[in-house]
Amino acid sequence: MNIVERLFTSKVVEESRYVNSKSYGELSPKMKMAVQDTFKLIETQTGDIIKVFENSVEKIAEHSKINKEELYKYFDKEIEEELGE
C-alpha cells in the first residue's frame, strides 16, 4: 500500500469512527457532518459531560443551520439503538 492509499484509508477510518449504526446511516449528509462535528467539539472540552454535550449540540445546530431538536432526536435514537430498545 503506497502513501496515498494509506492516507485515504486513514481518512475513511477517521470519518467512520464516530458511529456505525442504522440510525447514523439514515441521516442526510448534512446531519452526519453535524453529528461528527458534535463529537469533535465534545472531545475538545472538559467538565460536566451533560453541559458539554448540550452546549455542543446547541453550537453545532446553530453553526450548521439545522434544527437542534432533530439533532437531539438522532442522539436519542442512537442511545435507544445501542441499548436495544
PDB file of N, CA and C in Angstrom:
ATOM      1  N   MET A   1       0.851  -1.172   0.000  1.00  0.00           N
ATOM      2  CA  MET A   1       0.000   0.000   0.000  1.00  0.00           C
ATOM      3  C   MET A   1       0.898   1.236   0.000  1.00  0.00           C
ATOM      4  N   ASN A   2       0.668   2.131  -0.949  1.00  0.00           N
ATOM      5  CA  ASN A   2       1.501   3.327  -1.018  1.00  0.00           C
ATOM      6  C   ASN A   2       0.968   4.406  -0.080  1.00  0.00           C
ATOM      7  N   ILE A   3       1.687   5.499   0.018  1.00  0.00           N
ATOM      8  CA  ILE A   3       1.355   6.564   0.961  1.00  0.00           C
ATOM      9  C   ILE A   3      -0.013   7.168   0.697  1.00  0.00           C
ATOM     10  N   VAL A   4      -0.388   7.355  -0.557  1.00  0.00           N
ATOM     11  CA  VAL A   4      -1.695   7.933  -0.902  1.00  0.00           C
ATOM     12  C   VAL A   4      -2.813   7.005  -0.453  1.00  0.00           C
ATOM     13  N   GLU A   5      -2.655   5.717  -0.698  1.00  0.00           N
ATOM     14  CA  GLU A   5      -3.666   4.751  -0.279  1.00  0.00           C
ATOM     15  C   GLU A   5      -3.793   4.732   1.240  1.00  0.00           C
ATOM     16  N   ARG A   6      -2.668   4.806   1.939  1.00  0.00           N
ATOM     17  CA  ARG A   6      -2.713   4.815   3.408  1.00  0.00           C
ATOM     18  C   ARG A   6      -3.403   6.061   3.943  1.00  0.00           C
ATOM     19  N   LEU A   7      -3.120   7.208   3.343  1.00  0.00           N
ATOM     20  CA  LEU A   7      -3.769   8.444   3.783  1.00  0.00           C
ATOM     21  C   LEU A   7      -5.266   8.385   3.532  1.00  0.00           C
ATOM     22  N   PHE A   8      -5.668   7.886   2.365  1.00  0.00           N
ATOM     23  CA  PHE A   8      -7.090   7.767   2.056  1.00  0.00           C
ATOM     24  C   PHE A   8      -7.763   6.807   3.025  1.00  0.00           C
ATOM     25  N   THR A   9      -7.152   5.651   3.243  1.00  0.00           N
ATOM     26  CA  THR A   9      -7.714   4.670   4.173  1.00  0.00           C
ATOM     27  C   THR A   9      -7.824   5.257   5.565  1.00  0.00           C
ATOM     28  N   SER A  10      -6.821   5.997   5.983  1.00  0.00           N
ATOM     29  CA  SER A  10      -6.844   6.634   7.294  1.00  0.00           C
ATOM     30  C   SER A  10      -8.005   7.615   7.393  1.00  0.00           C
ATOM     31  N   LYS A  11      -8.235   8.390   6.338  1.00  0.00           N
ATOM     32  CA  LYS A  11      -9.327   9.362   6.339  1.00  0.00           C
ATOM     33  C   LYS A  11     -10.671   8.655   6.419  1.00  0.00           C
ATOM     34  N   VAL A  12     -10.850   7.577   5.682  1.00  0.00           N
ATOM     35  CA  VAL A  12     -12.105   6.817   5.717  1.00  0.00           C
ATOM     36  C   VAL A  12     -12.345   6.272   7.115  1.00  0.00           C
ATOM     37  N   VAL A  13     -11.320   5.703   7.713  1.00  0.00           N
ATOM     38  CA  VAL A  13     -11.446   5.173   9.074  1.00  0.00           C
ATOM     39  C   VAL A  13     -11.772   6.305  10.042  1.00  0.00           C
ATOM     40  N   GLU A  14     -11.106   7.426   9.911  1.00  0.00           N
ATOM     41  CA  GLU A  14     -11.345   8.577  10.776  1.00  0.00           C
ATOM     42  C   GLU A  14     -12.792   9.030  10.674  1.00  0.00           C
ATOM     43  N   GLU A  15     -13.321   9.140   9.454  1.00  0.00           N
ATOM     44  CA  GLU A  15     -14.679   9.621   9.271  1.00  0.00           C
ATOM     45  C   GLU A  15     -15.715   8.624   9.767  1.00  0.00           C
ATOM     46  N   SER A  16     -15.417   7.339   9.710  1.00  0.00           N
ATOM     47  CA  SER A  16     -16.409   6.349  10.109  1.00  0.00           C
ATOM     48  C   SER A  16     -16.274   5.947  11.577  1.00  0.00           C
ATOM     49  N   ARG A  17     -15.365   6.537  12.294  1.00  0.00           N
ATOM     50  CA  ARG A  17     -15.151   6.130  13.682  1.00  0.00           C
ATOM     51  C   ARG A  17     -16.233   6.644  14.615  1.00  0.00           C
ATOM     52  N   TYR A  18     -17.006   7.616  14.178  1.00  0.00           N
ATOM     53  CA  TYR A  18     -17.999   8.209  15.063  1.00  0.00           C
ATOM     54  C   TYR A  18     -19.114   7.232  15.384  1.00  0.00           C
ATOM     55  N   VAL A  19     -19.875   6.872  14.398  1.00  0.00           N
ATOM     56  CA  VAL A  19     -20.989   5.975  14.656  1.00  0.00           C
ATOM     57  C   VAL A  19     -21.194   5.100  13.428  1.00  0.00           C
ATOM     58  N   ASN A  20     -21.311   3.816  13.656  1.00  0.00           N
ATOM     59  CA  ASN A  20     -21.587   2.884  12.583  1.00  0.00           C
ATOM     60  C   ASN A  20     -22.868   2.159  12.954  1.00  0.00           C
ATOM     61  N   SER A  21     -23.998   2.833  12.745  1.00  0.00           N
ATOM     62  CA  SER A  21     -25.269   2.279  13.166  1.00  0.00           C
ATOM     63  C   SER A  21     -26.343   2.550  12.126  1.00  0.00           C
ATOM     64  N   LYS A  22     -27.473   1.911  12.308  1.00  0.00           N
ATOM     65  CA  LYS A  22     -28.606   2.119  11.414  1.00  0.00           C
ATOM     66  C   LYS A  22     -29.073   3.568  11.486  1.00  0.00           C
ATOM     67  N   SER A  23     -29.192   4.100  12.690  1.00  0.00           N
ATOM     68  CA  SER A  23     -29.650   5.479  12.878  1.00  0.00           C
ATOM     69  C   SER A  23     -28.736   6.465  12.170  1.00  0.00           C
ATOM     70  N   TYR A  24     -27.449   6.266  12.300  1.00  0.00           N
ATOM     71  CA  TYR A  24     -26.487   7.156  11.659  1.00  0.00           C
ATOM     72  C   TYR A  24     -26.572   7.021  10.139  1.00  0.00           C
ATOM     73  N   GLY A  25     -26.696   5.806   9.655  1.00  0.00           N
ATOM     74  CA  GLY A  25     -26.770   5.555   8.224  1.00  0.00           C
ATOM     75  C   GLY A  25     -27.972   6.201   7.564  1.00  0.00           C
ATOM     76  N   GLU A  26     -29.033   6.431   8.320  1.00  0.00           N
ATOM     77  CA  GLU A  26     -30.255   7.023   7.778  1.00  0.00           C
ATOM     78  C   GLU A  26     -30.198   8.547   7.701  1.00  0.00           C
ATOM     79  N   LEU A  27     -29.168   9.143   8.277  1.00  0.00           N
ATOM     80  CA  LEU A  27     -29.065  10.599   8.289  1.00  0.00           C
ATOM     81  C   LEU A  27     -28.670  11.158   6.927  1.00  0.00           C
ATOM     82  N   SER A  28     -29.066  12.396   6.694  1.00  0.00           N
ATOM     83  CA  SER A  28     -28.617  13.106   5.498  1.00  0.00           C
ATOM     84  C   SER A  28     -27.141  13.431   5.662  1.00  0.00           C
ATOM     85  N   PRO A  29     -26.454  13.699   4.578  1.00  0.00           N
ATOM     86  CA  PRO A  29     -25.033  14.067   4.696  1.00  0.00           C
ATOM     87  C   PRO A  29     -24.816  15.278   5.619  1.00  0.00           C
ATOM     88  N   LYS A  30     -25.709  16.235   5.563  1.00  0.00           N
ATOM     89  CA  LYS A  30     -25.587  17.423   6.414  1.00  0.00           C
ATOM     90  C   LYS A  30     -25.711  17.052   7.895  1.00  0.00           C
ATOM     91  N   MET A  31     -26.647  16.159   8.212  1.00  0.00           N
ATOM     92  CA  MET A  31     -26.804  15.729   9.601  1.00  0.00           C
ATOM     93  C   MET A  31     -25.618  14.880  10.045  1.00  0.00           C
ATOM     94  N   LYS A  32     -25.080  14.059   9.153  1.00  0.00           N
ATOM     95  CA  LYS A  32     -23.896  13.262   9.502  1.00  0.00           C
ATOM     96  C   LYS A  32     -22.734  14.179   9.866  1.00  0.00           C
ATOM     97  N   MET A  33     -22.556  15.231   9.088  1.00  0.00           N
ATOM     98  CA  MET A  33     -21.488  16.187   9.396  1.00  0.00           C
ATOM     99  C   MET A  33     -21.739  16.849  10.741  1.00  0.00           C
ATOM    100  N   ALA A  34     -22.990  17.179  11.039  1.00  0.00           N
ATOM    101  CA  ALA A  34     -23.321  17.801  12.319  1.00  0.00           C
ATOM    102  C   ALA A  34     -23.014  16.849  13.472  1.00  0.00           C
ATOM    103  N   VAL A  35     -23.314  15.574  13.304  1.00  0.00           N
ATOM    104  CA  VAL A  35     -23.007  14.580  14.341  1.00  0.00           C
ATOM    105  C   VAL A  35     -21.500  14.486  14.533  1.00  0.00           C
ATOM    106  N   GLN A  36     -20.759  14.402  13.443  1.00  0.00           N
ATOM    107  CA  GLN A  36     -19.302  14.331  13.536  1.00  0.00           C
ATOM    108  C   GLN A  36     -18.743  15.579  14.209  1.00  0.00           C
ATOM    109  N   ASP A  37     -19.252  16.740  13.821  1.00  0.00           N
ATOM    110  CA  ASP A  37     -18.778  17.988  14.416  1.00  0.00           C
ATOM    111  C   ASP A  37     -19.115  18.055  15.903  1.00  0.00           C
ATOM    112  N   THR A  38     -20.271  17.519  16.269  1.00  0.00           N
ATOM    113  CA  THR A  38     -20.651  17.496  17.689  1.00  0.00           C
ATOM    114  C   THR A  38     -19.658  16.658  18.480  1.00  0.00           C
ATOM    115  N   PHE A  39     -19.334  15.480  17.972  1.00  0.00           N
ATOM    116  CA  PHE A  39     -18.348  14.625  18.649  1.00  0.00           C
ATOM    117  C   PHE A  39     -17.001  15.313  18.744  1.00  0.00           C
ATOM    118  N   LYS A  40     -16.568  15.947  17.659  1.00  0.00           N
ATOM    119  CA  LYS A  40     -15.278  16.641  17.674  1.00  0.00           C
ATOM    120  C   LYS A  40     -15.260  17.738  18.727  1.00  0.00           C
ATOM    121  N   LEU A  41     -16.353  18.495  18.823  1.00  0.00           N
ATOM    122  CA  LEU A  41     -16.423  19.574  19.799  1.00  0.00           C
ATOM    123  C   LEU A  41     -16.423  19.022  21.219  1.00  0.00           C
ATOM    124  N   ILE A  42     -17.147  17.966  21.451  1.00  0.00           N
ATOM    125  CA  ILE A  42     -17.185  17.334  22.780  1.00  0.00           C
ATOM    126  C   ILE A  42     -15.787  16.873  23.191  1.00  0.00           C
ATOM    127  N   GLU A  43     -15.053  16.303  22.241  1.00  0.00           N
ATOM    128  CA  GLU A  43     -13.711  15.778  22.535  1.00  0.00           C
ATOM    129  C   GLU A  43     -12.731  16.866  22.968  1.00  0.00           C
ATOM    130  N   THR A  44     -13.002  18.106  22.609  1.00  0.00           N
ATOM    131  CA  THR A  44     -12.076  19.191  22.937  1.00  0.00           C
ATOM    132  C   THR A  44     -12.397  19.860  24.269  1.00  0.00           C
ATOM    133  N   GLN A  45     -13.485  19.448  24.918  1.00  0.00           N
ATOM    134  CA  GLN A  45     -13.926  20.130  26.130  1.00  0.00           C
ATOM    135  C   GLN A  45     -13.854  19.213  27.341  1.00  0.00           C
ATOM    136  N   THR A  46     -13.838  19.846  28.502  1.00  0.00           N
ATOM    137  CA  THR A  46     -13.855  19.112  29.758  1.00  0.00           C
ATOM    138  C   THR A  46     -14.961  19.669  30.632  1.00  0.00           C
ATOM    139  N   GLY A  47     -15.237  18.982  31.708  1.00  0.00           N
ATOM    140  CA  GLY A  47     -16.251  19.449  32.642  1.00  0.00           C
ATOM    141  C   GLY A  47     -17.440  18.514  32.673  1.00  0.00           C
ATOM    142  N   ASP A  48     -18.562  19.034  33.138  1.00  0.00           N
ATOM    143  CA  ASP A  48     -19.808  18.282  33.251  1.00  0.00           C
ATOM    144  C   ASP A  48     -20.229  17.806  31.865  1.00  0.00           C
ATOM    145  N   ILE A  49     -20.227  16.495  31.655  1.00  0.00           N
ATOM    146  CA  ILE A  49     -20.473  15.928  30.330  1.00  0.00           C
ATOM    147  C   ILE A  49     -21.849  16.306  29.786  1.00  0.00           C
ATOM    148  N   ILE A  50     -22.837  16.415  30.642  1.00  0.00           N
ATOM    149  CA  ILE A  50     -24.181  16.791  30.188  1.00  0.00           C
ATOM    150  C   ILE A  50     -24.169  18.217  29.639  1.00  0.00           C
ATOM    151  N   LYS A  51     -23.556  19.123  30.357  1.00  0.00           N
ATOM    152  CA  LYS A  51     -23.475  20.508  29.897  1.00  0.00           C
ATOM    153  C   LYS A  51     -22.631  20.612  28.630  1.00  0.00           C
ATOM    154  N   VAL A  52     -21.533  19.879  28.591  1.00  0.00           N
ATOM    155  CA  VAL A  52     -20.664  19.885  27.421  1.00  0.00           C
ATOM    156  C   VAL A  52     -21.445  19.384  26.203  1.00  0.00           C
ATOM    157  N   PHE A  53     -22.191  18.300  26.375  1.00  0.00           N
ATOM    158  CA  PHE A  53     -22.990  17.738  25.285  1.00  0.00           C
ATOM    159  C   PHE A  53     -24.045  18.738  24.818  1.00  0.00           C
ATOM    160  N   GLU A  54     -24.810  19.288  25.751  1.00  0.00           N
ATOM    161  CA  GLU A  54     -25.869  20.227  25.388  1.00  0.00           C
ATOM    162  C   GLU A  54     -25.307  21.476  24.706  1.00  0.00           C
ATOM    163  N   ASN A  55     -24.225  22.013  25.234  1.00  0.00           N
ATOM    164  CA  ASN A  55     -23.611  23.188  24.612  1.00  0.00           C
ATOM    165  C   ASN A  55     -23.095  22.864  23.210  1.00  0.00           C
ATOM    166  N   SER A  56     -22.537  21.681  23.054  1.00  0.00           N
ATOM    167  CA  SER A  56     -22.020  21.278  21.748  1.00  0.00           C
ATOM    168  C   SER A  56     -23.151  21.141  20.726  1.00  0.00           C
ATOM    169  N   VAL A  57     -24.233  20.513  21.119  1.00  0.00           N
ATOM    170  CA  VAL A  57     -25.383  20.370  20.221  1.00  0.00           C
ATOM    171  C   VAL A  57     -25.908  21.744  19.816  1.00  0.00           C
ATOM    172  N   GLU A  58     -26.039  22.636  20.800  1.00  0.00           N
ATOM    173  CA  GLU A  58     -26.545  23.990  20.524  1.00  0.00           C
ATOM    174  C   GLU A  58     -25.640  24.707  19.512  1.00  0.00           C
ATOM    175  N   LYS A  59     -24.337  24.668  19.760  1.00  0.00           N
ATOM    176  CA  LYS A  59     -23.390  25.363  18.883  1.00  0.00           C
ATOM    177  C   LYS A  59     -23.383  24.775  17.478  1.00  0.00           C
ATOM    178  N   ILE A  60     -23.366  23.469  17.378  1.00  0.00           N
ATOM    179  CA  ILE A  60     -23.309  22.823  16.057  1.00  0.00           C
ATOM    180  C   ILE A  60     -24.605  23.041  15.300  1.00  0.00           C
ATOM    181  N   ALA A  61     -25.735  22.961  15.978  1.00  0.00           N
ATOM    182  CA  ALA A  61     -27.013  23.193  15.303  1.00  0.00           C
ATOM    183  C   ALA A  61     -27.075  24.608  14.741  1.00  0.00           C
ATOM    184  N   GLU A  62     -26.643  25.563  15.533  1.00  0.00           N
ATOM    185  CA  GLU A  62     -26.642  26.950  15.069  1.00  0.00           C
ATOM    186  C   GLU A  62     -25.663  27.133  13.911  1.00  0.00           C
ATOM    187  N   HIS A  63     -24.472  26.612  14.070  1.00  0.00           N
ATOM    188  CA  HIS A  63     -23.430  26.749  13.043  1.00  0.00           C
ATOM    189  C   HIS A  63     -23.842  26.065  11.730  1.00  0.00           C
ATOM    190  N   SER A  64     -24.453  24.882  11.837  1.00  0.00           N
ATOM    191  CA  SER A  64     -24.827  24.101  10.656  1.00  0.00           C
ATOM    192  C   SER A  64     -26.178  24.506  10.087  1.00  0.00           C
ATOM    193  N   LYS A  65     -26.868  25.379  10.816  1.00  0.00           N
ATOM    194  CA  LYS A  65     -28.204  25.823  10.413  1.00  0.00           C
ATOM    195  C   LYS A  65     -29.167  24.640  10.286  1.00  0.00           C
ATOM    196  N   ILE A  66     -29.152  23.802  11.325  1.00  0.00           N
ATOM    197  CA  ILE A  66     -30.086  22.680  11.383  1.00  0.00           C
ATOM    198  C   ILE A  66     -30.899  22.805  12.658  1.00  0.00           C
ATOM    199  N   ASN A  67     -32.005  22.132  12.699  1.00  0.00           N
ATOM    200  CA  ASN A  67     -32.878  22.149  13.855  1.00  0.00           C
ATOM    201  C   ASN A  67     -32.222  21.357  14.986  1.00  0.00           C
ATOM    202  N   LYS A  68     -32.000  22.022  16.107  1.00  0.00           N
ATOM    203  CA  LYS A  68     -31.325  21.338  17.221  1.00  0.00           C
ATOM    204  C   LYS A  68     -32.150  20.172  17.748  1.00  0.00           C
ATOM    205  N   GLU A  69     -33.482  20.269  17.641  1.00  0.00           N
ATOM    206  CA  GLU A  69     -34.335  19.170  18.104  1.00  0.00           C
ATOM    207  C   GLU A  69     -34.118  17.920  17.252  1.00  0.00           C
ATOM    208  N   GLU A  70     -33.860  18.102  15.960  1.00  0.00           N
ATOM    209  CA  GLU A  70     -33.568  16.965  15.085  1.00  0.00           C
ATOM    210  C   GLU A  70     -32.246  16.310  15.481  1.00  0.00           C
ATOM    211  N   LEU A  71     -31.288  17.126  15.853  1.00  0.00           N
ATOM    212  CA  LEU A  71     -30.008  16.591  16.290  1.00  0.00           C
ATOM    213  C   LEU A  71     -30.175  15.832  17.613  1.00  0.00           C
ATOM    214  N   TYR A  72     -30.944  16.395  18.527  1.00  0.00           N
ATOM    215  CA  TYR A  72     -31.232  15.689  19.781  1.00  0.00           C
ATOM    216  C   TYR A  72     -31.976  14.379  19.509  1.00  0.00           C
ATOM    217  N   LYS A  73     -32.929  14.383  18.564  1.00  0.00           N
ATOM    218  CA  LYS A  73     -33.686  13.173  18.230  1.00  0.00           C
ATOM    219  C   LYS A  73     -32.742  12.081  17.734  1.00  0.00           C
ATOM    220  N   TYR A  74     -31.752  12.481  16.929  1.00  0.00           N
ATOM    221  CA  TYR A  74     -30.793  11.499  16.449  1.00  0.00           C
ATOM    222  C   TYR A  74     -30.071  10.844  17.633  1.00  0.00           C
ATOM    223  N   PHE A  75     -29.569  11.656  18.553  1.00  0.00           N
ATOM    224  CA  PHE A  75     -28.834  11.095  19.688  1.00  0.00           C
ATOM    225  C   PHE A  75     -29.738  10.209  20.539  1.00  0.00           C
ATOM    226  N   ASP A  76     -31.005  10.582  20.683  1.00  0.00           N
ATOM    227  CA  ASP A  76     -31.958   9.731  21.406  1.00  0.00           C
ATOM    228  C   ASP A  76     -32.124   8.383  20.706  1.00  0.00           C
ATOM    229  N   LYS A  77     -32.289   8.413  19.375  1.00  0.00           N
ATOM    230  CA  LYS A  77     -32.428   7.171  18.617  1.00  0.00           C
ATOM    231  C   LYS A  77     -31.182   6.316  18.737  1.00  0.00           C
ATOM    232  N   GLU A  78     -30.036   6.956  18.710  1.00  0.00           N
ATOM    233  CA  GLU A  78     -28.772   6.230  18.804  1.00  0.00           C
ATOM    234  C   GLU A  78     -28.660   5.521  20.154  1.00  0.00           C
ATOM    235  N   ILE A  79     -29.029   6.202  21.203  1.00  0.00           N
ATOM    236  CA  ILE A  79     -28.990   5.602  22.544  1.00  0.00           C
ATOM    237  C   ILE A  79     -29.951   4.422  22.623  1.00  0.00           C
ATOM    238  N   GLU A  80     -31.159   4.610  22.103  1.00  0.00           N
ATOM    239  CA  GLU A  80     -32.142   3.514  22.105  1.00  0.00           C
ATOM    240  C   GLU A  80     -31.627   2.317  21.319  1.00  0.00           C
ATOM    241  N   GLU A  81     -31.007   2.586  20.180  1.00  0.00           N
ATOM    242  CA  GLU A  81     -30.462   1.504  19.353  1.00  0.00           C
ATOM    243  C   GLU A  81     -29.350   0.772  20.106  1.00  0.00           C
ATOM    244  N   GLU A  82     -28.475   1.514  20.748  1.00  0.00           N
ATOM    245  CA  GLU A  82     -27.364   0.899  21.481  1.00  0.00           C
ATOM    246  C   GLU A  82     -27.855   0.077  22.668  1.00  0.00           C
ATOM    247  N   LEU A  83     -28.944   0.536  23.290  1.00  0.00           N
ATOM    248  CA  LEU A  83     -29.487  -0.185  24.450  1.00  0.00           C
ATOM    249  C   LEU A  83     -30.415  -1.325  24.042  1.00  0.00           C
ATOM    250  N   GLY A  84     -30.719  -1.404  22.748  1.00  0.00           N
ATOM    251  CA  GLY A  84     -31.584  -2.476  22.259  1.00  0.00           C
ATOM    252  C   GLY A  84     -33.049  -2.255  22.554  1.00  0.00           C
ATOM    253  N   GLU A  85     -33.438  -1.012  22.671  1.00  0.00           N
ATOM    254  CA  GLU A  85     -34.850  -0.714  22.966  1.00  0.00           C
ATOM    255  C   GLU A  85     -35.630  -0.498  21.701  1.00  0.00           C
TER     256      GLU A  85
END
